[in-house]
């Protein structure tokens, strides 16, 4: 289904009925598509990548001060509890 912004404002019940039927509704503004309303169950699956390929994985691997995680946390918390 395709609906303009005005249709969305004035005929929201019909738009939601179309979504309930499983249709994807394309919202247009001045004749150009701007957004899509899809039923909740039809969310496209996100591609799963291994954690080792994430850009943040291993970004602190070369830091010497974080080798011992417990000592590092104790050190950064010490100024708060030194009073």
PDB file of N, CA and C in Angstrom:
ATOM      1  N   UNK A   1       0.839  -1.165   0.000  1.00  0.00           N
ATOM      2  CA  UNK A   1       0.000   0.000   0.000  1.00  0.00           C
ATOM      3  C   UNK A   1       0.890   1.237   0.000  1.00  0.00           C
ATOM      4  N   UNK A   2       0.416   2.275  -0.617  1.00  0.00           N
ATOM      5  CA  UNK A   2       1.121   3.545  -0.627  1.00  0.00           C
ATOM      6  C   UNK A   2       0.193   4.603  -0.040  1.00  0.00           C
ATOM      7  N   UNK A   3       0.716   5.440   0.848  1.00  0.00           N
ATOM      8  CA  UNK A   3      -0.092   6.479   1.487  1.00  0.00           C
ATOM      9  C   UNK A   3       0.726   7.757   1.575  1.00  0.00           C
ATOM     10  N   UNK A   4       0.070   8.872   1.320  1.00  0.00           N
ATOM     11  CA  UNK A   4       0.752  10.149   1.457  1.00  0.00           C
ATOM     12  C   UNK A   4       0.727  10.572   2.923  1.00  0.00           C
ATOM     13  N   UNK A   5       1.436  11.638   3.220  1.00  0.00           N
ATOM     14  CA  UNK A   5       1.439  12.153   4.583  1.00  0.00           C
ATOM     15  C   UNK A   5       0.033  12.577   4.994  1.00  0.00           C
ATOM     16  N   UNK A   6      -0.712  13.143   4.067  1.00  0.00           N
ATOM     17  CA  UNK A   6      -2.089  13.553   4.355  1.00  0.00           C
ATOM     18  C   UNK A   6      -2.949  12.323   4.634  1.00  0.00           C
ATOM     19  N   UNK A   7      -2.778  11.252   3.837  1.00  0.00           N
ATOM     20  CA  UNK A   7      -3.510  10.011   4.096  1.00  0.00           C
ATOM     21  C   UNK A   7      -3.167   9.461   5.476  1.00  0.00           C
ATOM     22  N   UNK A   8      -1.909   9.549   5.814  1.00  0.00           N
ATOM     23  CA  UNK A   8      -1.477   9.039   7.114  1.00  0.00           C
ATOM     24  C   UNK A   8      -2.164   9.810   8.236  1.00  0.00           C
ATOM     25  N   UNK A   9      -2.302  11.108   8.066  1.00  0.00           N
ATOM     26  CA  UNK A   9      -2.939  11.939   9.087  1.00  0.00           C
ATOM     27  C   UNK A   9      -4.449  11.697   9.141  1.00  0.00           C
ATOM     28  N   UNK A  10      -5.083  11.598   7.987  1.00  0.00           N
ATOM     29  CA  UNK A  10      -6.547  11.525   7.949  1.00  0.00           C
ATOM     30  C   UNK A  10      -7.105  10.105   7.972  1.00  0.00           C
ATOM     31  N   UNK A  11      -6.337   9.148   7.492  1.00  0.00           N
ATOM     32  CA  UNK A  11      -6.838   7.769   7.377  1.00  0.00           C
ATOM     33  C   UNK A  11      -5.933   6.780   8.097  1.00  0.00           C
ATOM     34  N   UNK A  12      -5.515   7.138   9.287  1.00  0.00           N
ATOM     35  CA  UNK A  12      -4.607   6.279  10.049  1.00  0.00           C
ATOM     36  C   UNK A  12      -5.209   4.905  10.296  1.00  0.00           C
ATOM     37  N   UNK A  13      -6.516   4.835  10.516  1.00  0.00           N
ATOM     38  CA  UNK A  13      -7.162   3.547  10.770  1.00  0.00           C
ATOM     39  C   UNK A  13      -6.983   2.606   9.574  1.00  0.00           C
ATOM     40  N   UNK A  14      -7.130   3.124   8.346  1.00  0.00           N
ATOM     41  CA  UNK A  14      -6.966   2.294   7.149  1.00  0.00           C
ATOM     42  C   UNK A  14      -5.503   1.870   6.976  1.00  0.00           C
ATOM     43  N   UNK A  15      -4.589   2.757   7.285  1.00  0.00           N
ATOM     44  CA  UNK A  15      -3.160   2.414   7.183  1.00  0.00           C
ATOM     45  C   UNK A  15      -2.821   1.307   8.177  1.00  0.00           C
ATOM     46  N   UNK A  16      -3.288   1.441   9.415  1.00  0.00           N
ATOM     47  CA  UNK A  16      -3.020   0.403  10.412  1.00  0.00           C
ATOM     48  C   UNK A  16      -3.715  -0.910  10.072  1.00  0.00           C
ATOM     49  N   UNK A  17      -4.872  -0.843   9.433  1.00  0.00           N
ATOM     50  CA  UNK A  17      -5.552  -2.069   8.999  1.00  0.00           C
ATOM     51  C   UNK A  17      -4.719  -2.784   7.935  1.00  0.00           C
ATOM     52  N   UNK A  18      -4.114  -2.012   7.040  1.00  0.00           N
ATOM     53  CA  UNK A  18      -3.246  -2.622   6.027  1.00  0.00           C
ATOM     54  C   UNK A  18      -2.035  -3.281   6.670  1.00  0.00           C
ATOM     55  N   UNK A  19      -1.468  -2.646   7.672  1.00  0.00           N
ATOM     56  CA  UNK A  19      -0.334  -3.237   8.386  1.00  0.00           C
ATOM     57  C   UNK A  19      -0.770  -4.504   9.104  1.00  0.00           C
ATOM     58  N   UNK A  20      -1.973  -4.491   9.684  1.00  0.00           N
ATOM     59  CA  UNK A  20      -2.504  -5.694  10.344  1.00  0.00           C
ATOM     60  C   UNK A  20      -2.673  -6.845   9.367  1.00  0.00           C
ATOM     61  N   UNK A  21      -2.976  -6.535   8.116  1.00  0.00           N
ATOM     62  CA  UNK A  21      -3.115  -7.580   7.090  1.00  0.00           C
ATOM     63  C   UNK A  21      -1.759  -8.094   6.614  1.00  0.00           C
ATOM     64  N   UNK A  22      -0.678  -7.491   7.089  1.00  0.00           N
ATOM     65  CA  UNK A  22       0.650  -7.941   6.705  1.00  0.00           C
ATOM     66  C   UNK A  22       1.259  -7.139   5.571  1.00  0.00           C
ATOM     67  N   UNK A  23       0.617  -6.063   5.165  1.00  0.00           N
ATOM     68  CA  UNK A  23       1.145  -5.253   4.074  1.00  0.00           C
ATOM     69  C   UNK A  23       2.206  -4.282   4.582  1.00  0.00           C
ATOM     70  N   UNK A  24       3.105  -3.931   3.700  1.00  0.00           N
ATOM     71  CA  UNK A  24       4.061  -2.872   3.972  1.00  0.00           C
ATOM     72  C   UNK A  24       3.499  -1.589   3.387  1.00  0.00           C
ATOM     73  N   UNK A  25       3.477  -0.530   4.172  1.00  0.00           N
ATOM     74  CA  UNK A  25       2.925   0.746   3.729  1.00  0.00           C
ATOM     75  C   UNK A  25       4.079   1.701   3.451  1.00  0.00           C
ATOM     76  N   UNK A  26       4.120   2.239   2.236  1.00  0.00           N
ATOM     77  CA  UNK A  26       5.124   3.223   1.866  1.00  0.00           C
ATOM     78  C   UNK A  26       4.522   4.606   2.028  1.00  0.00           C
ATOM     79  N   UNK A  27       5.181   5.437   2.817  1.00  0.00           N
ATOM     80  CA  UNK A  27       4.715   6.797   3.052  1.00  0.00           C
ATOM     81  C   UNK A  27       5.404   7.714   2.050  1.00  0.00           C
ATOM     82  N   UNK A  28       4.608   8.518   1.356  1.00  0.00           N
ATOM     83  CA  UNK A  28       5.165   9.435   0.361  1.00  0.00           C
ATOM     84  C   UNK A  28       4.940  10.879   0.793  1.00  0.00           C
ATOM     85  N   UNK A  29       5.862  11.731   0.380  1.00  0.00           N
ATOM     86  CA  UNK A  29       5.747  13.160   0.606  1.00  0.00           C
ATOM     87  C   UNK A  29       6.027  13.840  -0.720  1.00  0.00           C
ATOM     88  N   UNK A  30       5.033  14.541  -1.224  1.00  0.00           N
ATOM     89  CA  UNK A  30       5.103  15.178  -2.537  1.00  0.00           C
ATOM     90  C   UNK A  30       5.448  14.178  -3.638  1.00  0.00           C
ATOM     91  N   UNK A  31       4.879  12.990  -3.498  1.00  0.00           N
ATOM     92  CA  UNK A  31       5.032  11.968  -4.518  1.00  0.00           C
ATOM     93  C   UNK A  31       6.297  11.128  -4.430  1.00  0.00           C
ATOM     94  N   UNK A  32       7.183  11.441  -3.500  1.00  0.00           N
ATOM     95  CA  UNK A  32       8.436  10.678  -3.364  1.00  0.00           C
ATOM     96  C   UNK A  32       8.389   9.841  -2.092  1.00  0.00           C
ATOM     97  N   UNK A  33       8.816   8.582  -2.175  1.00  0.00           N
ATOM     98  CA  UNK A  33       8.802   7.732  -0.982  1.00  0.00           C
ATOM     99  C   UNK A  33       9.754   8.265   0.086  1.00  0.00           C
ATOM    100  N   UNK A  34       9.260   8.328   1.324  1.00  0.00           N
ATOM    101  CA  UNK A  34      10.058   8.842   2.438  1.00  0.00           C
ATOM    102  C   UNK A  34      10.259   7.814   3.542  1.00  0.00           C
ATOM    103  N   UNK A  35       9.304   6.908   3.734  1.00  0.00           N
ATOM    104  CA  UNK A  35       9.410   5.953   4.838  1.00  0.00           C
ATOM    105  C   UNK A  35       8.570   4.725   4.535  1.00  0.00           C
ATOM    106  N   UNK A  36       8.810   3.674   5.307  1.00  0.00           N
ATOM    107  CA  UNK A  36       8.013   2.452   5.212  1.00  0.00           C
ATOM    108  C   UNK A  36       7.540   2.059   6.593  1.00  0.00           C
ATOM    109  N   UNK A  37       6.315   1.613   6.652  1.00  0.00           N
ATOM    110  CA  UNK A  37       5.773   1.032   7.878  1.00  0.00           C
ATOM    111  C   UNK A  37       5.603  -0.453   7.595  1.00  0.00           C
ATOM    112  N   UNK A  38       6.299  -1.266   8.367  1.00  0.00           N
ATOM    113  CA  UNK A  38       6.233  -2.719   8.164  1.00  0.00           C
ATOM    114  C   UNK A  38       5.670  -3.367   9.416  1.00  0.00           C
ATOM    115  N   UNK A  39       4.994  -4.504   9.260  1.00  0.00           N
ATOM    116  CA  UNK A  39       4.514  -5.228  10.434  1.00  0.00           C
ATOM    117  C   UNK A  39       5.686  -5.645  11.316  1.00  0.00           C
ATOM    118  N   UNK A  40       5.451  -5.712  12.599  1.00  0.00           N
ATOM    119  CA  UNK A  40       6.520  -5.987  13.553  1.00  0.00           C
ATOM    120  C   UNK A  40       7.214  -7.315  13.271  1.00  0.00           C
ATOM    121  N   UNK A  41       6.493  -8.329  12.911  1.00  0.00           N
ATOM    122  CA  UNK A  41       7.080  -9.645  12.702  1.00  0.00           C
ATOM    123  C   UNK A  41       7.929  -9.760  11.456  1.00  0.00           C
ATOM    124  N   UNK A  42       7.918  -8.774  10.583  1.00  0.00           N
ATOM    125  CA  UNK A  42       8.645  -8.863   9.331  1.00  0.00           C
ATOM    126  C   UNK A  42       9.943  -8.067   9.330  1.00  0.00           C
ATOM    127  N   UNK A  43      10.552  -7.932  10.482  1.00  0.00           N
ATOM    128  CA  UNK A  43      11.803  -7.204  10.578  1.00  0.00           C
ATOM    129  C   UNK A  43      12.899  -8.033   9.894  1.00  0.00           C
ATOM    130  N   UNK A  44      13.628  -7.440   8.976  1.00  0.00           N
ATOM    131  CA  UNK A  44      14.660  -8.225   8.307  1.00  0.00           C
ATOM    132  C   UNK A  44      15.768  -8.610   9.300  1.00  0.00           C
ATOM    133  N   UNK A  45      16.231  -9.834   9.225  1.00  0.00           N
ATOM    134  CA  UNK A  45      17.264 -10.254  10.174  1.00  0.00           C
ATOM    135  C   UNK A  45      18.578  -9.517   9.923  1.00  0.00           C
ATOM    136  N   UNK A  46      19.222  -9.122  11.003  1.00  0.00           N
ATOM    137  CA  UNK A  46      20.520  -8.468  10.876  1.00  0.00           C
ATOM    138  C   UNK A  46      21.579  -9.534  10.624  1.00  0.00           C
ATOM    139  N   UNK A  47      22.500  -9.256   9.744  1.00  0.00           N
ATOM    140  CA  UNK A  47      23.549 -10.253   9.498  1.00  0.00           C
ATOM    141  C   UNK A  47      24.416 -10.437  10.741  1.00  0.00           C
ATOM    142  N   UNK A  48      24.672 -11.663  11.064  1.00  0.00           N
ATOM    143  CA  UNK A  48      25.495 -11.968  12.235  1.00  0.00           C
ATOM    144  C   UNK A  48      26.942 -12.060  11.800  1.00  0.00           C
ATOM    145  N   UNK A  49      27.787 -11.296  12.473  1.00  0.00           N
ATOM    146  CA  UNK A  49      29.218 -11.357  12.181  1.00  0.00           C
ATOM    147  C   UNK A  49      29.936 -11.857  13.427  1.00  0.00           C
ATOM    148  N   UNK A  50      31.032 -12.540  13.252  1.00  0.00           N
ATOM    149  CA  UNK A  50      31.789 -12.986  14.428  1.00  0.00           C
ATOM    150  C   UNK A  50      32.296 -11.776  15.215  1.00  0.00           C
ATOM    151  N   UNK A  51      32.340 -11.915  16.525  1.00  0.00           N
ATOM    152  CA  UNK A  51      32.767 -10.806  17.379  1.00  0.00           C
ATOM    153  C   UNK A  51      34.198 -10.387  17.063  1.00  0.00           C
ATOM    154  N   UNK A  52      34.994 -11.307  16.598  1.00  0.00           N
ATOM    155  CA  UNK A  52      36.384 -10.969  16.300  1.00  0.00           C
ATOM    156  C   UNK A  52      36.525 -10.059  15.089  1.00  0.00           C
ATOM    157  N   UNK A  53      35.469  -9.925  14.279  1.00  0.00           N
ATOM    158  CA  UNK A  53      35.517  -9.032  13.125  1.00  0.00           C
ATOM    159  C   UNK A  53      34.962  -7.648  13.427  1.00  0.00           C
ATOM    160  N   UNK A  54      34.469  -7.451  14.653  1.00  0.00           N
ATOM    161  CA  UNK A  54      33.965  -6.137  15.043  1.00  0.00           C
ATOM    162  C   UNK A  54      35.144  -5.174  15.177  1.00  0.00           C
ATOM    163  N   UNK A  55      34.999  -3.930  14.704  1.00  0.00           N
ATOM    164  CA  UNK A  55      36.116  -2.983  14.769  1.00  0.00           C
ATOM    165  C   UNK A  55      36.584  -2.691  16.192  1.00  0.00           C
ATOM    166  N   UNK A  56      35.702  -2.821  17.194  1.00  0.00           N
ATOM    167  CA  UNK A  56      36.095  -2.525  18.566  1.00  0.00           C
ATOM    168  C   UNK A  56      36.787  -3.702  19.250  1.00  0.00           C
ATOM    169  N   UNK A  57      36.740  -4.867  18.645  1.00  0.00           N
ATOM    170  CA  UNK A  57      37.327  -6.049  19.275  1.00  0.00           C
ATOM    171  C   UNK A  57      38.847  -5.908  19.338  1.00  0.00           C
ATOM    172  N   UNK A  58      39.385  -6.012  20.521  1.00  0.00           N
ATOM    173  CA  UNK A  58      40.830  -5.980  20.705  1.00  0.00           C
ATOM    174  C   UNK A  58      41.462  -4.604  20.600  1.00  0.00           C
ATOM    175  N   UNK A  59      40.673  -3.541  20.736  1.00  0.00           N
ATOM    176  CA  UNK A  59      41.256  -2.218  20.555  1.00  0.00           C
ATOM    177  C   UNK A  59      42.200  -1.825  21.686  1.00  0.00           C
ATOM    178  N   UNK A  60      42.123  -2.492  22.828  1.00  0.00           N
ATOM    179  CA  UNK A  60      43.037  -2.193  23.934  1.00  0.00           C
ATOM    180  C   UNK A  60      44.046  -3.316  24.140  1.00  0.00           C
ATOM    181  N   UNK A  61      44.228  -4.173  23.188  1.00  0.00           N
ATOM    182  CA  UNK A  61      45.091  -5.338  23.386  1.00  0.00           C
ATOM    183  C   UNK A  61      46.549  -4.964  23.614  1.00  0.00           C
ATOM    184  N   UNK A  62      46.986  -3.799  23.148  1.00  0.00           N
ATOM    185  CA  UNK A  62      48.383  -3.396  23.296  1.00  0.00           C
ATOM    186  C   UNK A  62      48.636  -2.559  24.542  1.00  0.00           C
ATOM    187  N   UNK A  63      47.606  -2.255  25.314  1.00  0.00           N
ATOM    188  CA  UNK A  63      47.785  -1.428  26.514  1.00  0.00           C
ATOM    189  C   UNK A  63      48.289  -2.287  27.664  1.00  0.00           C
ATOM    190  N   UNK A  64      49.354  -1.843  28.273  1.00  0.00           N
ATOM    191  CA  UNK A  64      49.953  -2.592  29.386  1.00  0.00           C
ATOM    192  C   UNK A  64      49.175  -2.392  30.688  1.00  0.00           C
ATOM    193  N   UNK A  65      48.563  -1.222  30.883  1.00  0.00           N
ATOM    194  CA  UNK A  65      47.885  -0.953  32.152  1.00  0.00           C
ATOM    195  C   UNK A  65      46.580  -1.730  32.319  1.00  0.00           C
ATOM    196  N   UNK A  66      46.058  -2.338  31.284  1.00  0.00           N
ATOM    197  CA  UNK A  66      44.809  -3.101  31.402  1.00  0.00           C
ATOM    198  C   UNK A  66      45.023  -4.613  31.349  1.00  0.00           C
ATOM    199  N   UNK A  67      46.245  -5.044  31.476  1.00  0.00           N
ATOM    200  CA  UNK A  67      46.499  -6.500  31.458  1.00  0.00           C
ATOM    201  C   UNK A  67      45.769  -7.201  32.601  1.00  0.00           C
ATOM    202  N   UNK A  68      45.866  -6.639  33.811  1.00  0.00           N
ATOM    203  CA  UNK A  68      45.156  -7.190  34.965  1.00  0.00           C
ATOM    204  C   UNK A  68      43.918  -6.326  35.175  1.00  0.00           C
ATOM    205  N   UNK A  69      42.752  -6.828  34.785  1.00  0.00           N
ATOM    206  CA  UNK A  69      41.521  -6.033  34.803  1.00  0.00           C
ATOM    207  C   UNK A  69      41.128  -5.613  36.213  1.00  0.00           C
ATOM    208  N   UNK A  70      41.272  -6.496  37.191  1.00  0.00           N
ATOM    209  CA  UNK A  70      40.893  -6.159  38.565  1.00  0.00           C
ATOM    210  C   UNK A  70      41.777  -5.049  39.117  1.00  0.00           C
ATOM    211  N   UNK A  71      43.060  -5.129  38.879  1.00  0.00           N
ATOM    212  CA  UNK A  71      43.972  -4.088  39.354  1.00  0.00           C
ATOM    213  C   UNK A  71      43.675  -2.763  38.657  1.00  0.00           C
ATOM    214  N   UNK A  72      43.346  -2.809  37.390  1.00  0.00           N
ATOM    215  CA  UNK A  72      43.032  -1.583  36.652  1.00  0.00           C
ATOM    216  C   UNK A  72      41.787  -0.909  37.218  1.00  0.00           C
ATOM    217  N   UNK A  73      40.729  -1.677  37.473  1.00  0.00           N
ATOM    218  CA  UNK A  73      39.501  -1.114  38.026  1.00  0.00           C
ATOM    219  C   UNK A  73      39.759  -0.577  39.429  1.00  0.00           C
ATOM    220  N   UNK A  74      40.519  -1.304  40.245  1.00  0.00           N
ATOM    221  CA  UNK A  74      40.851  -0.831  41.583  1.00  0.00           C
ATOM    222  C   UNK A  74      41.602   0.498  41.516  1.00  0.00           C
ATOM    223  N   UNK A  75      42.492   0.620  40.563  1.00  0.00           N
ATOM    224  CA  UNK A  75      43.290   1.836  40.409  1.00  0.00           C
ATOM    225  C   UNK A  75      42.432   3.039  39.996  1.00  0.00           C
ATOM    226  N   UNK A  76      41.490   2.838  39.061  1.00  0.00           N
ATOM    227  CA  UNK A  76      40.688   3.983  38.635  1.00  0.00           C
ATOM    228  C   UNK A  76      39.624   4.349  39.667  1.00  0.00           C
ATOM    229  N   UNK A  77      39.276   3.425  40.559  1.00  0.00           N
ATOM    230  CA  UNK A  77      38.304   3.732  41.610  1.00  0.00           C
ATOM    231  C   UNK A  77      38.951   4.275  42.883  1.00  0.00           C
ATOM    232  N   UNK A  78      40.234   4.095  43.030  1.00  0.00           N
ATOM    233  CA  UNK A  78      40.926   4.473  44.255  1.00  0.00           C
ATOM    234  C   UNK A  78      40.733   5.933  44.650  1.00  0.00           C
ATOM    235  N   UNK A  79      40.812   6.901  43.764  1.00  0.00           N
ATOM    236  CA  UNK A  79      40.637   8.289  44.196  1.00  0.00           C
ATOM    237  C   UNK A  79      39.281   8.559  44.851  1.00  0.00           C
ATOM    238  N   UNK A  80      38.248   7.827  44.486  1.00  0.00           N
ATOM    239  CA  UNK A  80      36.931   8.027  45.086  1.00  0.00           C
ATOM    240  C   UNK A  80      36.894   7.532  46.532  1.00  0.00           C
ATOM    241  N   UNK A  81      37.571   6.428  46.781  1.00  0.00           N
ATOM    242  CA  UNK A  81      37.477   5.804  48.081  1.00  0.00           C
ATOM    243  C   UNK A  81      38.680   6.099  48.976  1.00  0.00           C
ATOM    244  N   UNK A  82      39.602   6.918  48.549  1.00  0.00           N
ATOM    245  CA  UNK A  82      40.805   7.203  49.335  1.00  0.00           C
ATOM    246  C   UNK A  82      40.535   8.146  50.494  1.00  0.00           C
ATOM    247  N   UNK A  83      39.398   8.760  50.551  1.00  0.00           N
ATOM    248  CA  UNK A  83      39.104   9.742  51.619  1.00  0.00           C
ATOM    249  C   UNK A  83      39.000   9.127  52.964  1.00  0.00           C
TER     250      UNK A  83
END
